[in-house]
C-alpha atoms as a PDB file:
ATOM      1  CA  MET A   1      21.710  49.088 122.868  1.00  0.00           C
ATOM      2  CA  ALA A   2      20.732  49.391 119.423  1.00  0.00           C
ATOM      3  CA  SER A   3      23.375  49.716 116.586  1.00  0.00           C
ATOM      4  CA  TYR A   4      22.848  53.596 116.270  1.00  0.00           C
ATOM      5  CA  ASP A   5      26.702  54.171 115.466  1.00  0.00           C
ATOM      6  CA  SER A   6      26.961  51.599 112.773  1.00  0.00           C
ATOM      7  CA  ASP A   7      27.504  52.286 109.094  1.00  0.00           C
ATOM      8  CA  GLU A   8      24.454  50.199 107.871  1.00  0.00           C
ATOM      9  CA  GLU A   9      22.358  52.158 105.429  1.00  0.00           C
ATOM     10  CA  ILE A  10      18.571  52.261 106.418  1.00  0.00           C
ATOM     11  CA  ASP A  11      15.540  52.568 103.942  1.00  0.00           C
ATOM     12  CA  TYR A  12      13.187  54.069 106.464  1.00  0.00           C
ATOM     13  CA  SER A  13      10.229  53.526 103.977  1.00  0.00           C
ATOM     14  CA  THR A  14      10.393  49.824 103.789  1.00  0.00           C
ATOM     15  CA  ASP A  15      12.346  48.875 107.031  1.00  0.00           C
ATOM     16  CA  PRO A  16       9.644  47.417 109.379  1.00  0.00           C
ATOM     17  CA  ASP A  17      11.181  48.922 112.533  1.00  0.00           C
ATOM     18  CA  TRP A  18      10.170  52.201 111.292  1.00  0.00           C
ATOM     19  CA  SER A  19       6.404  51.156 110.000  1.00  0.00           C
ATOM     20  CA  HIS A  20       4.871  52.827 113.404  1.00  0.00           C
ATOM     21  CA  ILE A  21       6.213  56.375 112.406  1.00  0.00           C
ATOM     22  CA  THR A  22       4.343  58.545 110.066  1.00  0.00           C
ATOM     23  CA  PRO A  23       6.866  60.723 108.044  1.00  0.00           C
ATOM     24  CA  LEU A  24       6.074  64.476 108.092  1.00  0.00           C
ATOM     25  CA  PRO A  25       7.504  66.253 105.043  1.00  0.00           C
ATOM     26  CA  GLN A  26       9.113  70.038 105.584  1.00  0.00           C
ATOM     27  CA  ASP A  27       6.181  72.369 105.297  1.00  0.00           C
ATOM     28  CA  ASP A  28       7.817  75.323 103.549  1.00  0.00           C
ATOM     29  CA  GLY A  29       4.091  76.891 102.640  1.00  0.00           C
ATOM     30  CA  GLU A  30       2.662  77.212  99.269  1.00  0.00           C
ATOM     31  CA  ASN A  31       4.874  78.075  96.339  1.00  0.00           C
ATOM     32  CA  PRO A  32       8.361  78.673  98.266  1.00  0.00           C
ATOM     33  CA  LEU A  33      10.524  81.428  96.533  1.00  0.00           C
ATOM     34  CA  ALA A  34      13.867  79.772  97.672  1.00  0.00           C
ATOM     35  CA  GLN A  35      13.186  76.158  98.402  1.00  0.00           C
ATOM     36  CA  ILE A  36      16.514  74.656  99.826  1.00  0.00           C
ATOM     37  CA  ALA A  37      17.612  71.596  97.411  1.00  0.00           C
ATOM     38  CA  TYR A  38      18.264  69.193 100.015  1.00  0.00           C
ATOM     39  CA  HIS A  39      19.673  65.619  99.313  1.00  0.00           C
ATOM     40  CA  PRO A  40      16.957  63.241  98.740  1.00  0.00           C
ATOM     41  CA  ASP A  41      18.396  60.831 101.880  1.00  0.00           C
ATOM     42  CA  TYR A  42      18.444  63.981 104.092  1.00  0.00           C
ATOM     43  CA  VAL A  43      14.835  64.819 102.949  1.00  0.00           C
ATOM     44  CA  VAL A  44      13.593  61.169 103.993  1.00  0.00           C
ATOM     45  CA  ALA A  45      15.710  61.068 107.301  1.00  0.00           C
ATOM     46  CA  MET A  46      14.442  64.494 108.263  1.00  0.00           C
ATOM     47  CA  SER A  47      10.675  63.644 107.634  1.00  0.00           C
ATOM     48  CA  TYR A  48      11.203  60.526 109.896  1.00  0.00           C
ATOM     49  CA  LEU A  49      12.729  62.751 112.617  1.00  0.00           C
ATOM     50  CA  ARG A  50       9.637  64.961 112.538  1.00  0.00           C
ATOM     51  CA  GLY A  51       7.578  61.797 112.844  1.00  0.00           C
ATOM     52  CA  VAL A  52       9.596  60.607 115.595  1.00  0.00           C
ATOM     53  CA  MET A  53       9.349  64.128 117.354  1.00  0.00           C
ATOM     54  CA  ALA A  54       5.708  64.273 116.827  1.00  0.00           C
ATOM     55  CA  VAL A  55       4.933  61.139 118.937  1.00  0.00           C
ATOM     56  CA  ASN A  56       7.539  61.904 121.587  1.00  0.00           C
ATOM     57  CA  ASP A  57       9.517  58.494 120.620  1.00  0.00           C
ATOM     58  CA  HIS A  58      12.917  57.963 122.426  1.00  0.00           C
ATOM     59  CA  SER A  59      13.493  54.483 121.467  1.00  0.00           C
ATOM     60  CA  PRO A  60      17.044  53.139 120.870  1.00  0.00           C
ATOM     61  CA  GLN A  61      16.369  53.282 117.134  1.00  0.00           C
ATOM     62  CA  VAL A  62      16.276  57.101 117.485  1.00  0.00           C
ATOM     63  CA  LEU A  63      19.900  56.897 117.900  1.00  0.00           C
ATOM     64  CA  LYS A  64      20.678  55.496 114.539  1.00  0.00           C
ATOM     65  CA  LEU A  65      18.308  57.982 112.792  1.00  0.00           C
ATOM     66  CA  THR A  66      20.013  60.810 114.604  1.00  0.00           C
ATOM     67  CA  ALA A  67      23.352  59.487 114.007  1.00  0.00           C
ATOM     68  CA  ASP A  68      22.280  59.256 110.293  1.00  0.00           C
ATOM     69  CA  ILE A  69      21.070  62.900 110.040  1.00  0.00           C
ATOM     70  CA  ILE A  70      24.151  64.162 111.890  1.00  0.00           C
ATOM     71  CA  GLY A  71      26.423  62.382 109.409  1.00  0.00           C
ATOM     72  CA  MET A  72      24.764  64.466 106.852  1.00  0.00           C
ATOM     73  CA  ASN A  73      24.331  67.685 108.778  1.00  0.00           C
ATOM     74  CA  ALA A  74      26.629  67.668 111.737  1.00  0.00           C
ATOM     75  CA  ALA A  75      25.584  71.283 112.326  1.00  0.00           C
ATOM     76  CA  HIS A  76      21.824  70.503 112.992  1.00  0.00           C
ATOM     77  CA  TYR A  77      21.366  71.637 116.769  1.00  0.00           C
ATOM     78  CA  THR A  78      17.732  70.385 116.785  1.00  0.00           C
ATOM     79  CA  VAL A  79      18.776  66.684 116.130  1.00  0.00           C
ATOM     80  CA  TRP A  80      21.739  66.912 118.809  1.00  0.00           C
ATOM     81  CA  GLY A  81      19.132  68.042 121.249  1.00  0.00           C
ATOM     82  CA  TYR A  82      16.648  65.391 120.595  1.00  0.00           C
ATOM     83  CA  ARG A  83      19.623  62.697 120.846  1.00  0.00           C
ATOM     84  CA  PHE A  84      20.541  63.839 124.087  1.00  0.00           C
ATOM     85  CA  LYS A  85      16.769  63.708 125.438  1.00  0.00           C
ATOM     86  CA  THR A  86      16.682  60.349 123.894  1.00  0.00           C
ATOM     87  CA  LEU A  87      19.895  58.951 125.799  1.00  0.00           C
ATOM     88  CA  MET A  88      18.431  60.520 128.820  1.00  0.00           C
ATOM     89  CA  ALA A  89      15.014  58.942 128.229  1.00  0.00           C
ATOM     90  CA  LEU A  90      16.661  55.495 127.880  1.00  0.00           C
ATOM     91  CA  GLU A  91      18.434  55.796 131.065  1.00  0.00           C
ATOM     92  CA  ALA A  92      15.231  56.877 132.943  1.00  0.00           C
ATOM     93  CA  SER A  93      13.113  54.192 131.619  1.00  0.00           C
ATOM     94  CA  ASN A  94      15.734  51.540 132.821  1.00  0.00           C
ATOM     95  CA  SER A  95      16.222  50.295 129.058  1.00  0.00           C
ATOM     96  CA  LEU A  96      19.989  50.376 129.968  1.00  0.00           C
ATOM     97  CA  GLU A  97      20.586  49.691 133.555  1.00  0.00           C
ATOM     98  CA  GLY A  98      23.639  49.645 135.786  1.00  0.00           C
ATOM     99  CA  GLU A  99      27.187  48.986 134.202  1.00  0.00           C
ATOM    100  CA  LYS A 100      25.461  48.667 130.853  1.00  0.00           C
ATOM    101  CA  ALA A 101      24.181  52.235 130.963  1.00  0.00           C
ATOM    102  CA  ASN A 102      27.469  53.552 132.032  1.00  0.00           C
ATOM    103  CA  TRP A 103      29.008  51.895 129.059  1.00  0.00           C
ATOM    104  CA  SER A 104      26.452  53.152 126.686  1.00  0.00           C
ATOM    105  CA  TRP A 105      27.371  56.730 127.600  1.00  0.00           C
ATOM    106  CA  ARG A 106      31.006  56.026 127.008  1.00  0.00           C
ATOM    107  CA  LYS A 107      30.121  54.285 123.685  1.00  0.00           C
ATOM    108  CA  GLU A 108      28.355  57.657 123.056  1.00  0.00           C
ATOM    109  CA  LEU A 109      31.468  59.704 123.828  1.00  0.00           C
ATOM    110  CA  ASP A 110      33.550  57.429 121.671  1.00  0.00           C
ATOM    111  CA  TRP A 111      31.154  57.795 118.755  1.00  0.00           C
ATOM    112  CA  VAL A 112      31.047  61.665 119.409  1.00  0.00           C
ATOM    113  CA  GLN A 113      34.981  61.708 119.327  1.00  0.00           C
ATOM    114  CA  SER A 114      34.882  60.240 115.982  1.00  0.00           C
ATOM    115  CA  ILE A 115      32.380  62.752 114.680  1.00  0.00           C
ATOM    116  CA  ALA A 116      34.559  65.639 116.276  1.00  0.00           C
ATOM    117  CA  LYS A 117      37.709  64.670 114.152  1.00  0.00           C
ATOM    118  CA  GLN A 118      35.396  64.740 110.793  1.00  0.00           C
ATOM    119  CA  TYR A 119      33.952  67.976 111.668  1.00  0.00           C
ATOM    120  CA  GLU A 120      36.568  69.832 113.772  1.00  0.00           C
ATOM    121  CA  LYS A 121      34.837  73.367 113.817  1.00  0.00           C
ATOM    122  CA  ASN A 122      31.538  72.206 114.730  1.00  0.00           C
ATOM    123  CA  TYR A 123      30.168  73.623 118.143  1.00  0.00           C
ATOM    124  CA  GLN A 124      27.071  71.261 118.486  1.00  0.00           C
ATOM    125  CA  ILE A 125      29.419  68.349 118.923  1.00  0.00           C
ATOM    126  CA  TRP A 126      31.276  69.655 122.033  1.00  0.00           C
ATOM    127  CA  HIS A 127      28.006  71.016 123.647  1.00  0.00           C
ATOM    128  CA  HIS A 128      26.596  67.357 123.323  1.00  0.00           C
ATOM    129  CA  ARG A 129      29.793  66.119 124.902  1.00  0.00           C
ATOM    130  CA  GLN A 130      29.527  68.880 127.745  1.00  0.00           C
ATOM    131  CA  LEU A 131      25.981  67.578 128.499  1.00  0.00           C
ATOM    132  CA  ILE A 132      26.958  64.236 128.885  1.00  0.00           C
ATOM    133  CA  ILE A 133      29.985  64.788 130.956  1.00  0.00           C
ATOM    134  CA  ASP A 134      27.941  67.164 133.232  1.00  0.00           C
ATOM    135  CA  HIS A 135      25.218  64.534 133.587  1.00  0.00           C
ATOM    136  CA  LEU A 136      27.825  61.555 134.458  1.00  0.00           C
ATOM    137  CA  ASN A 137      29.605  64.054 136.814  1.00  0.00           C
ATOM    138  CA  ASP A 138      33.140  62.406 135.888  1.00  0.00           C
ATOM    139  CA  PRO A 139      35.529  63.830 133.469  1.00  0.00           C
ATOM    140  CA  THR A 140      37.770  60.765 133.253  1.00  0.00           C
ATOM    141  CA  GLY A 141      39.750  60.641 129.818  1.00  0.00           C
ATOM    142  CA  GLU A 142      38.196  64.038 128.660  1.00  0.00           C
ATOM    143  CA  ARG A 143      41.546  66.104 128.878  1.00  0.00           C
ATOM    144  CA  GLU A 144      43.059  63.168 126.927  1.00  0.00           C
ATOM    145  CA  ARG A 145      40.309  63.713 124.391  1.00  0.00           C
ATOM    146  CA  THR A 146      40.799  67.326 123.785  1.00  0.00           C
ATOM    147  CA  ASN A 147      44.562  66.599 123.561  1.00  0.00           C
ATOM    148  CA  GLU A 148      43.843  64.585 120.705  1.00  0.00           C
ATOM    149  CA  MET A 149      42.043  67.330 118.957  1.00  0.00           C
ATOM    150  CA  PHE A 150      44.687  69.829 119.912  1.00  0.00           C
ATOM    151  CA  ALA A 151      47.131  67.663 117.918  1.00  0.00           C
ATOM    152  CA  SER A 152      45.449  68.125 114.908  1.00  0.00           C
ATOM    153  CA  ASP A 153      44.445  71.974 115.594  1.00  0.00           C
ATOM    154  CA  SER A 154      45.957  73.490 118.685  1.00  0.00           C
ATOM    155  CA  LYS A 155      43.726  76.607 118.238  1.00  0.00           C
ATOM    156  CA  ASN A 156      40.287  75.060 117.844  1.00  0.00           C
ATOM    157  CA  TYR A 157      38.035  77.438 119.585  1.00  0.00           C
ATOM    158  CA  HIS A 158      35.369  75.137 120.259  1.00  0.00           C
ATOM    159  CA  VAL A 159      37.649  72.568 122.027  1.00  0.00           C
ATOM    160  CA  TRP A 160      39.440  75.231 124.171  1.00  0.00           C
ATOM    161  CA  THR A 161      35.745  76.302 125.203  1.00  0.00           C
ATOM    162  CA  TYR A 162      35.177  73.089 126.123  1.00  0.00           C
ATOM    163  CA  ARG A 163      38.446  72.524 127.928  1.00  0.00           C
ATOM    164  CA  GLN A 164      38.003  75.662 130.032  1.00  0.00           C
ATOM    165  CA  TRP A 165      34.485  74.343 130.984  1.00  0.00           C
ATOM    166  CA  LEU A 166      35.864  71.026 131.913  1.00  0.00           C
ATOM    167  CA  VAL A 167      38.563  72.509 134.118  1.00  0.00           C
ATOM    168  CA  LYS A 168      36.003  74.892 135.773  1.00  0.00           C
ATOM    169  CA  ARG A 169      33.364  72.497 136.197  1.00  0.00           C
ATOM    170  CA  PHE A 170      35.689  69.721 138.034  1.00  0.00           C
ATOM    171  CA  SER A 171      38.316  72.162 139.418  1.00  0.00           C
ATOM    172  CA  LEU A 172      41.172  70.773 137.435  1.00  0.00           C
ATOM    173  CA  PHE A 173      43.431  73.616 138.383  1.00  0.00           C
ATOM    174  CA  ASP A 174      46.348  71.044 138.945  1.00  0.00           C
ATOM    175  CA  LYS A 175      49.870  70.518 137.551  1.00  0.00           C
ATOM    176  CA  GLU A 176      48.687  68.333 134.678  1.00  0.00           C
ATOM    177  CA  GLU A 177      46.881  71.206 133.290  1.00  0.00           C
ATOM    178  CA  LEU A 178      50.056  73.388 133.647  1.00  0.00           C
ATOM    179  CA  ASP A 179      52.162  70.952 132.178  1.00  0.00           C
ATOM    180  CA  THR A 180      49.755  70.608 129.102  1.00  0.00           C
ATOM    181  CA  MET A 181      49.745  74.237 128.627  1.00  0.00           C
ATOM    182  CA  GLU A 182      53.740  74.552 128.966  1.00  0.00           C
ATOM    183  CA  LEU A 183      53.922  71.507 126.148  1.00  0.00           C
ATOM    184  CA  LEU A 184      51.597  73.349 123.966  1.00  0.00           C
ATOM    185  CA  LEU A 185      53.425  76.855 124.278  1.00  0.00           C
ATOM    186  CA  LYS A 186      56.805  74.866 123.519  1.00  0.00           C
ATOM    187  CA  GLU A 187      55.490  73.481 120.446  1.00  0.00           C
ATOM    188  CA  ASP A 188      54.029  76.922 119.394  1.00  0.00           C
ATOM    189  CA  VAL A 189      54.686  79.791 121.318  1.00  0.00           C
ATOM    190  CA  ARG A 190      52.414  81.878 119.355  1.00  0.00           C
ATOM    191  CA  ASN A 191      49.361  79.712 120.533  1.00  0.00           C
ATOM    192  CA  ASN A 192      47.416  82.602 122.059  1.00  0.00           C
ATOM    193  CA  SER A 193      44.635  80.185 123.095  1.00  0.00           C
ATOM    194  CA  ALA A 194      46.973  78.253 125.341  1.00  0.00           C
ATOM    195  CA  TRP A 195      48.355  81.642 126.710  1.00  0.00           C
ATOM    196  CA  ASN A 196      44.789  82.323 127.786  1.00  0.00           C
ATOM    197  CA  HIS A 197      43.994  79.161 129.148  1.00  0.00           C
ATOM    198  CA  ARG A 198      47.338  79.317 131.117  1.00  0.00           C
ATOM    199  CA  TYR A 199      46.396  82.680 132.551  1.00  0.00           C
ATOM    200  CA  PHE A 200      42.904  81.179 133.668  1.00  0.00           C
ATOM    201  CA  ILE A 201      44.353  78.369 135.279  1.00  0.00           C
ATOM    202  CA  THR A 202      47.107  80.217 137.117  1.00  0.00           C
ATOM    203  CA  LEU A 203      45.667  83.642 137.979  1.00  0.00           C
ATOM    204  CA  GLY A 204      42.245  84.093 136.274  1.00  0.00           C
ATOM    205  CA  ARG A 205      40.010  81.999 138.312  1.00  0.00           C
ATOM    206  CA  LEU A 206      37.034  83.764 140.209  1.00  0.00           C
ATOM    207  CA  GLY A 207      37.686  84.098 143.663  1.00  0.00           C
ATOM    208  CA  ILE A 208      41.570  83.995 143.485  1.00  0.00           C
ATOM    209  CA  GLU A 209      42.285  87.552 144.597  1.00  0.00           C
ATOM    210  CA  SER A 210      45.571  86.743 146.216  1.00  0.00           C
ATOM    211  CA  PRO A 211      47.826  84.088 144.090  1.00  0.00           C
ATOM    212  CA  PRO A 212      49.698  81.393 145.932  1.00  0.00           C
ATOM    213  CA  GLU A 213      53.096  82.458 146.936  1.00  0.00           C
ATOM    214  CA  GLY A 214      55.756  81.842 144.081  1.00  0.00           C
ATOM    215  CA  VAL A 215      53.363  81.794 141.358  1.00  0.00           C
ATOM    216  CA  ILE A 216      53.572  85.443 140.140  1.00  0.00           C
ATOM    217  CA  ASP A 217      57.244  84.976 140.014  1.00  0.00           C
ATOM    218  CA  ARG A 218      57.120  81.710 138.275  1.00  0.00           C
ATOM    219  CA  GLU A 219      54.642  83.075 135.483  1.00  0.00           C
ATOM    220  CA  VAL A 220      56.944  86.248 135.289  1.00  0.00           C
ATOM    221  CA  LYS A 221      59.750  83.989 134.380  1.00  0.00           C
ATOM    222  CA  PHE A 222      57.812  81.674 132.118  1.00  0.00           C
ATOM    223  CA  ALA A 223      56.720  84.771 130.106  1.00  0.00           C
ATOM    224  CA  LYS A 224      60.125  86.303 129.741  1.00  0.00           C
ATOM    225  CA  ASP A 225      61.813  83.128 128.626  1.00  0.00           C
ATOM    226  CA  ALA A 226      58.931  82.964 125.950  1.00  0.00           C
ATOM    227  CA  ILE A 227      59.731  86.426 124.897  1.00  0.00           C
ATOM    228  CA  LEU A 228      63.406  85.567 124.515  1.00  0.00           C
ATOM    229  CA  THR A 229      62.519  83.136 122.066  1.00  0.00           C
ATOM    230  CA  ALA A 230      60.173  85.174 120.022  1.00  0.00           C
ATOM    231  CA  PRO A 231      60.407  88.903 120.870  1.00  0.00           C
ATOM    232  CA  GLN A 232      57.725  90.134 118.385  1.00  0.00           C
ATOM    233  CA  ASN A 233      55.161  87.534 119.414  1.00  0.00           C
ATOM    234  CA  PRO A 234      52.576  89.669 121.304  1.00  0.00           C
ATOM    235  CA  SER A 235      50.972  86.759 123.431  1.00  0.00           C
ATOM    236  CA  PRO A 236      53.743  86.571 126.055  1.00  0.00           C
ATOM    237  CA  TRP A 237      54.112  90.233 126.223  1.00  0.00           C
ATOM    238  CA  ASN A 238      50.477  90.572 127.159  1.00  0.00           C
ATOM    239  CA  TYR A 239      50.699  87.853 129.354  1.00  0.00           C
ATOM    240  CA  LEU A 240      53.560  89.241 131.186  1.00  0.00           C
ATOM    241  CA  LYS A 241      51.861  92.655 131.767  1.00  0.00           C
ATOM    242  CA  ALA A 242      48.685  90.672 132.896  1.00  0.00           C
ATOM    243  CA  VAL A 243      50.722  88.899 135.464  1.00  0.00           C
ATOM    244  CA  LEU A 244      52.243  92.110 136.696  1.00  0.00           C
ATOM    245  CA  ARG A 245      48.806  93.616 137.329  1.00  0.00           C
ATOM    246  CA  LYS A 246      47.832  90.639 139.180  1.00  0.00           C
ATOM    247  CA  GLY A 247      50.726  90.611 141.339  1.00  0.00           C
ATOM    248  CA  ASN A 248      50.337  94.376 141.598  1.00  0.00           C
ATOM    249  CA  ILE A 249      53.923  94.960 140.301  1.00  0.00           C
ATOM    250  CA  ASN A 250      54.542  98.147 138.272  1.00  0.00           C
ATOM    251  CA  VAL A 251      55.445  97.843 134.981  1.00  0.00           C
ATOM    252  CA  VAL A 252      58.599 100.137 135.709  1.00  0.00           C
ATOM    253  CA  SER A 253      60.091  96.814 136.840  1.00  0.00           C
ATOM    254  CA  LEU A 254      60.550  95.757 133.076  1.00  0.00           C
ATOM    255  CA  VAL A 255      62.556  98.515 132.012  1.00  0.00           C
ATOM    256  CA  ASP A 256      66.022  96.707 131.766  1.00  0.00           C
ATOM    257  CA  PHE A 257      64.157  93.772 130.196  1.00  0.00           C
ATOM    258  CA  CYS A 258      62.693  95.776 127.594  1.00  0.00           C
ATOM    259  CA  GLY A 259      66.001  97.491 126.727  1.00  0.00           C
ATOM    260  CA  GLN A 260      67.340  94.225 125.468  1.00  0.00           C
ATOM    261  CA  PHE A 261      64.770  94.394 122.466  1.00  0.00           C
ATOM    262  CA  ALA A 262      64.058  98.164 122.168  1.00  0.00           C
ATOM    263  CA  PRO A 263      67.342 100.195 122.827  1.00  0.00           C
ATOM    264  CA  ILE A 264      66.072 103.696 122.302  1.00  0.00           C
ATOM    265  CA  ASP A 265      69.586 105.236 121.314  1.00  0.00           C
ATOM    266  CA  SER A 266      70.085 102.413 118.816  1.00  0.00           C
ATOM    267  CA  GLU A 267      66.961 102.092 116.827  1.00  0.00           C
ATOM    268  CA  ASP A 268      68.352  99.883 114.217  1.00  0.00           C
ATOM    269  CA  ASP A 269      68.869  97.037 116.759  1.00  0.00           C
ATOM    270  CA  ILE A 270      65.163  97.160 118.024  1.00  0.00           C
ATOM    271  CA  SER A 271      63.680  93.677 117.832  1.00  0.00           C
ATOM    272  CA  SER A 272      60.361  94.109 119.355  1.00  0.00           C
ATOM    273  CA  SER A 273      57.619  96.650 118.822  1.00  0.00           C
ATOM    274  CA  HIS A 274      55.916  95.305 121.845  1.00  0.00           C
ATOM    275  CA  ALA A 275      59.100  96.442 124.035  1.00  0.00           C
ATOM    276  CA  LEU A 276      58.818  99.874 122.638  1.00  0.00           C
ATOM    277  CA  ASP A 277      55.138 100.199 123.491  1.00  0.00           C
ATOM    278  CA  VAL A 278      56.006  99.078 126.955  1.00  0.00           C
ATOM    279  CA  LEU A 279      58.897 101.478 127.278  1.00  0.00           C
ATOM    280  CA  SER A 280      56.638 104.191 126.171  1.00  0.00           C
ATOM    281  CA  GLU A 281      54.448 103.471 129.377  1.00  0.00           C
ATOM    282  CA  ILE A 282      57.596 103.265 131.813  1.00  0.00           C
ATOM    283  CA  TYR A 283      59.085 106.384 130.596  1.00  0.00           C
ATOM    284  CA  ASP A 284      55.759 108.281 130.801  1.00  0.00           C
ATOM    285  CA  GLN A 285      55.398 106.995 134.462  1.00  0.00           C
ATOM    286  CA  THR A 286      58.829 107.948 135.366  1.00  0.00           C
ATOM    287  CA  GLY A 287      58.514 111.359 134.070  1.00  0.00           C
ATOM    288  CA  ASP A 288      61.065 110.816 131.110  1.00  0.00           C
ATOM    289  CA  LEU A 289      58.673 112.132 128.381  1.00  0.00           C
ATOM    290  CA  GLY A 290      61.401 112.507 125.799  1.00  0.00           C
ATOM    291  CA  LYS A 291      61.879 108.928 125.845  1.00  0.00           C
ATOM    292  CA  ALA A 292      58.486 108.049 125.878  1.00  0.00           C
ATOM    293  CA  GLU A 293      57.867 110.352 123.015  1.00  0.00           C
ATOM    294  CA  GLN A 294      60.663 108.854 120.955  1.00  0.00           C
ATOM    295  CA  ALA A 295      59.468 105.280 121.585  1.00  0.00           C
ATOM    296  CA  LEU A 296      56.045 106.305 120.336  1.00  0.00           C
ATOM    297  CA  MET A 297      57.412 107.938 117.261  1.00  0.00           C
ATOM    298  CA  LEU A 298      59.568 105.015 116.295  1.00  0.00           C
ATOM    299  CA  LEU A 299      56.422 102.926 116.508  1.00  0.00           C
ATOM    300  CA  ALA A 300      54.456 105.480 114.200  1.00  0.00           C
ATOM    301  CA  ALA A 301      57.102 106.015 111.826  1.00  0.00           C
ATOM    302  CA  LYS A 302      58.975 102.736 111.325  1.00  0.00           C
ATOM    303  CA  TYR A 303      57.998  99.702 113.613  1.00  0.00           C
ATOM    304  CA  ASP A 304      54.147  99.837 113.564  1.00  0.00           C
ATOM    305  CA  PRO A 305      53.202 102.550 111.013  1.00  0.00           C
ATOM    306  CA  VAL A 306      49.965 100.807 110.199  1.00  0.00           C
ATOM    307  CA  ARG A 307      48.803 102.219 113.458  1.00  0.00           C
ATOM    308  CA  LYS A 308      50.394 105.486 113.357  1.00  0.00           C
ATOM    309  CA  ASN A 309      47.285 107.378 114.305  1.00  0.00           C
ATOM    310  CA  TYR A 310      47.195 105.114 117.451  1.00  0.00           C
ATOM    311  CA  TRP A 311      50.618 105.930 118.417  1.00  0.00           C
ATOM    312  CA  ARG A 312      50.326 109.707 117.752  1.00  0.00           C
ATOM    313  CA  TYR A 313      47.281 109.558 119.968  1.00  0.00           C
ATOM    314  CA  ARG A 314      49.127 107.985 122.472  1.00  0.00           C
ATOM    315  CA  LYS A 315      52.068 110.723 122.307  1.00  0.00           C
ATOM    316  CA  ARG A 316      49.331 113.424 122.994  1.00  0.00           C
ATOM    317  CA  LEU A 317      48.472 111.662 126.231  1.00  0.00           C
ATOM    318  CA  LEU A 318      51.973 111.915 127.395  1.00  0.00           C
ATOM    319  CA  GLY A 319      51.960 113.317 130.820  1.00  0.00           C
ATOM    320  CA  SER A 320      48.487 113.663 131.289  1.00  0.00           C
ATOM    321  CA  GLY A 321      48.083 110.779 133.748  1.00  0.00           C
ATOM    322  CA  GLU A 322      45.411 109.141 131.639  1.00  0.00           C
ATOM    323  CA  SER A 323      45.412 105.295 131.568  1.00  0.00           C
ATOM    324  CA  VAL A 324      46.864 103.828 128.299  1.00  0.00           C
ATOM    325  CA  PRO A 325      44.254 102.866 125.923  1.00  0.00           C
ATOM    326  CA  VAL A 326      44.763  99.345 124.314  1.00  0.00           C
ATOM    327  CA  ALA A 327      45.168  99.109 120.717  1.00  0.00           C
ATOM    328  CA  SER A 328      42.573  96.890 118.822  1.00  0.00           C
ATOM    329  CA  GLU A 329      44.876  95.513 116.178  1.00  0.00           C
ATOM    330  CA  LYS A 330      47.538  93.249 116.358  1.00  0.00           C
ATOM    331  CA  ALA A 331      51.068  94.662 115.717  1.00  0.00           C
ATOM    332  CA  PRO A 332      52.634  93.691 112.541  1.00  0.00           C
ATOM    333  CA  ALA A 333      55.953  92.191 112.355  1.00  0.00           C
ATOM    334  CA  VAL A 334      58.929  94.627 112.995  1.00  0.00           C
ATOM    335  CA  HIS A 335      61.495  95.419 110.157  1.00  0.00           C
ATOM    336  CA  ALA A 336      64.428  94.414 112.125  1.00  0.00           C
ATOM    337  CA  THR A 337      65.430  91.029 112.851  1.00  0.00           C
ATOM    338  CA  VAL A 338      63.375  88.926 115.213  1.00  0.00           C
END
């Protein structure tokens, strides 16, 4: 394969390998009002890419050209798209055969990983990787690659999106995936991305109407244990309620658990506004409207005054039988020790 991933600089205008390509400058029309001041190297490289695309050239040297441009602008989705088309064309034309073809794809994945570490918030990188893995129909090593990215940023949205696609595409709903989420949540119990992914692999899959035996109990315990370590963290509370809904378990079952963090009769000992929120739902269901009102007023007055209007609105709903609306903002830290 051509040394498309080398660091060697190319002077496209003098390199004989590019003499067959006519560079096409960017057409901004006559007298552009706000012409972008691109770097001269980028201007030249893009002019050659336009020339390449004009003649539908998918030779190995195009990989070097696209790598060069991506190094200057990793978010240029047109370049990524043409790069993938070139890789596919090289494979289809038998330019890369058998084991060599497979090796070239893996080499491409190694190169993509190196780029991902330089541009961690780039979406196109992960879409390109998804196209390759989908084409190869082989996820070998991909979870390890995403784990590398999580080590530097465990909440990278693009990596999590790719990870979920990977799990769904290859049915990786297994113990390894569960163990990874447990490890990430031990490292950071506030990692909402890991909580969301854990729910996806345990209970959120389409077609899973009845969870396997023991899963609900296991996930309830996992969420409760996490709450014990950080009672004011909203993620495990949300997870716990979602698990109960999936298992058709009434939230009333949490009354004693919530009482540990929000004793209504001893408001100075309250350590979790989320426990108060759940208790207001429980007392509304059980008909103890006085305690439900007290929980909501504590939230409005002391433990979450930023959303006092929301809690007062919830108070007006008590006893009406209407479903509890979900607040849009995250609750701030409570004033009590957490």
